[in-house]
Amino acid sequence: MANAHQNNWDEYLDGALFSQRTKRHSSTKFTPFFLLYCREAVFPSPLPPAFTGEECDTIVIKNRRFQYN
């Protein structure tokens, strides 16, 4: 996150705010974004697929083989 001098915190602000605004809150059961705009937010990029540990190991092994060949 922020560097040792803590002078680059602003580079992380957009992501932190987006995360907070798109998280469902237990008290309202809605995201703040939905309460403001009456729709859920569209993420700026597709979310990465969820992999099992075994699938991740296979992907890592294949990538290593590709890098060394």
C-alpha atoms as a PDB file:
ATOM      1  CA  MET A   1       0.000   0.000   0.000  1.00  0.00           C
ATOM      2  CA  ALA A   2       1.364   3.407   0.908  1.00  0.00           C
ATOM      3  CA  ASN A   3       5.141   3.744   0.839  1.00  0.00           C
ATOM      4  CA  ALA A   4       7.345   4.374   3.883  1.00  0.00           C
ATOM      5  CA  HIS A   5       6.948   8.145   3.528  1.00  0.00           C
ATOM      6  CA  GLN A   6       3.166   7.782   3.198  1.00  0.00           C
ATOM      7  CA  ASN A   7       3.089  10.312   0.390  1.00  0.00           C
ATOM      8  CA  ASN A   8       1.373   8.131  -2.214  1.00  0.00           C
ATOM      9  CA  TRP A   9      -1.811   7.232  -0.330  1.00  0.00           C
ATOM     10  CA  ASP A  10      -3.903   9.117  -2.867  1.00  0.00           C
ATOM     11  CA  GLU A  11      -3.012   6.527  -5.522  1.00  0.00           C
ATOM     12  CA  TYR A  12      -5.051   3.966  -3.573  1.00  0.00           C
ATOM     13  CA  LEU A  13      -8.018   6.176  -2.708  1.00  0.00           C
ATOM     14  CA  ASP A  14     -10.194   5.402  -5.755  1.00  0.00           C
ATOM     15  CA  GLY A  15      -9.899   1.658  -5.246  1.00  0.00           C
ATOM     16  CA  ALA A  16     -10.535   1.897  -1.517  1.00  0.00           C
ATOM     17  CA  LEU A  17     -13.616   4.058  -2.007  1.00  0.00           C
ATOM     18  CA  PHE A  18     -14.989   1.818  -4.759  1.00  0.00           C
ATOM     19  CA  SER A  19     -14.511  -1.186  -2.505  1.00  0.00           C
ATOM     20  CA  GLN A  20     -16.308   0.488   0.381  1.00  0.00           C
ATOM     21  CA  ARG A  21     -19.151   1.740  -1.810  1.00  0.00           C
ATOM     22  CA  THR A  22     -19.790  -1.655  -3.400  1.00  0.00           C
ATOM     23  CA  LYS A  23     -19.720  -3.753  -0.228  1.00  0.00           C
ATOM     24  CA  ARG A  24     -23.082  -4.884   1.122  1.00  0.00           C
ATOM     25  CA  HIS A  25     -23.602  -3.533   4.638  1.00  0.00           C
ATOM     26  CA  SER A  26     -25.243  -5.677   7.282  1.00  0.00           C
ATOM     27  CA  SER A  27     -27.394  -2.861   8.680  1.00  0.00           C
ATOM     28  CA  THR A  28     -29.062  -1.890   5.383  1.00  0.00           C
ATOM     29  CA  LYS A  29     -28.577  -5.146   3.424  1.00  0.00           C
ATOM     30  CA  PHE A  30     -27.616  -2.947   0.453  1.00  0.00           C
ATOM     31  CA  THR A  31     -24.467  -1.400  -0.934  1.00  0.00           C
ATOM     32  CA  PRO A  32     -24.077   2.370  -0.546  1.00  0.00           C
ATOM     33  CA  PHE A  33     -23.817   2.550  -4.343  1.00  0.00           C
ATOM     34  CA  PHE A  34     -27.223   0.896  -4.733  1.00  0.00           C
ATOM     35  CA  LEU A  35     -28.823   3.199  -2.170  1.00  0.00           C
ATOM     36  CA  LEU A  36     -27.538   6.232  -4.053  1.00  0.00           C
ATOM     37  CA  TYR A  37     -28.104   5.149  -7.680  1.00  0.00           C
ATOM     38  CA  CYS A  38     -30.805   2.433  -7.351  1.00  0.00           C
ATOM     39  CA  ARG A  39     -28.633  -0.052  -9.234  1.00  0.00           C
ATOM     40  CA  GLU A  40     -25.531  -2.081  -8.497  1.00  0.00           C
ATOM     41  CA  ALA A  41     -22.153  -0.847  -9.667  1.00  0.00           C
ATOM     42  CA  VAL A  42     -20.515  -2.250 -12.772  1.00  0.00           C
ATOM     43  CA  PHE A  43     -16.985  -3.347 -12.026  1.00  0.00           C
ATOM     44  CA  PRO A  44     -14.325  -1.712 -14.216  1.00  0.00           C
ATOM     45  CA  SER A  45     -12.941  -5.088 -15.280  1.00  0.00           C
ATOM     46  CA  PRO A  46     -14.084  -8.678 -15.064  1.00  0.00           C
ATOM     47  CA  LEU A  47     -13.409 -10.364 -11.774  1.00  0.00           C
ATOM     48  CA  PRO A  48     -10.797 -13.097 -11.974  1.00  0.00           C
ATOM     49  CA  PRO A  49     -12.188 -16.618 -11.911  1.00  0.00           C
ATOM     50  CA  ALA A  50     -12.060 -18.501  -8.643  1.00  0.00           C
ATOM     51  CA  PHE A  51      -9.677 -21.436  -8.724  1.00  0.00           C
ATOM     52  CA  THR A  52      -9.217 -24.300  -6.331  1.00  0.00           C
ATOM     53  CA  GLY A  53      -5.789 -24.818  -4.818  1.00  0.00           C
ATOM     54  CA  GLU A  54      -5.119 -27.749  -7.138  1.00  0.00           C
ATOM     55  CA  GLU A  55      -6.088 -25.727 -10.204  1.00  0.00           C
ATOM     56  CA  CYS A  56      -3.790 -22.893  -9.110  1.00  0.00           C
ATOM     57  CA  ASP A  57      -0.907 -25.320  -8.664  1.00  0.00           C
ATOM     58  CA  THR A  58      -1.487 -26.666 -12.177  1.00  0.00           C
ATOM     59  CA  ILE A  59      -1.567 -23.157 -13.644  1.00  0.00           C
ATOM     60  CA  VAL A  60       1.629 -22.168 -11.824  1.00  0.00           C
ATOM     61  CA  ILE A  61       3.419 -25.310 -13.019  1.00  0.00           C
ATOM     62  CA  LYS A  62       2.328 -24.717 -16.623  1.00  0.00           C
ATOM     63  CA  ASN A  63       3.445 -21.079 -16.454  1.00  0.00           C
ATOM     64  CA  ARG A  64       6.843 -22.076 -15.084  1.00  0.00           C
ATOM     65  CA  ARG A  65       7.309 -24.596 -17.880  1.00  0.00           C
ATOM     66  CA  PHE A  66       6.382 -21.929 -20.418  1.00  0.00           C
ATOM     67  CA  GLN A  67       8.822 -19.415 -18.931  1.00  0.00           C
ATOM     68  CA  TYR A  68      11.741 -21.841 -18.938  1.00  0.00           C
ATOM     69  CA  ASN A  69      11.164 -23.319 -22.410  1.00  0.00           C
END
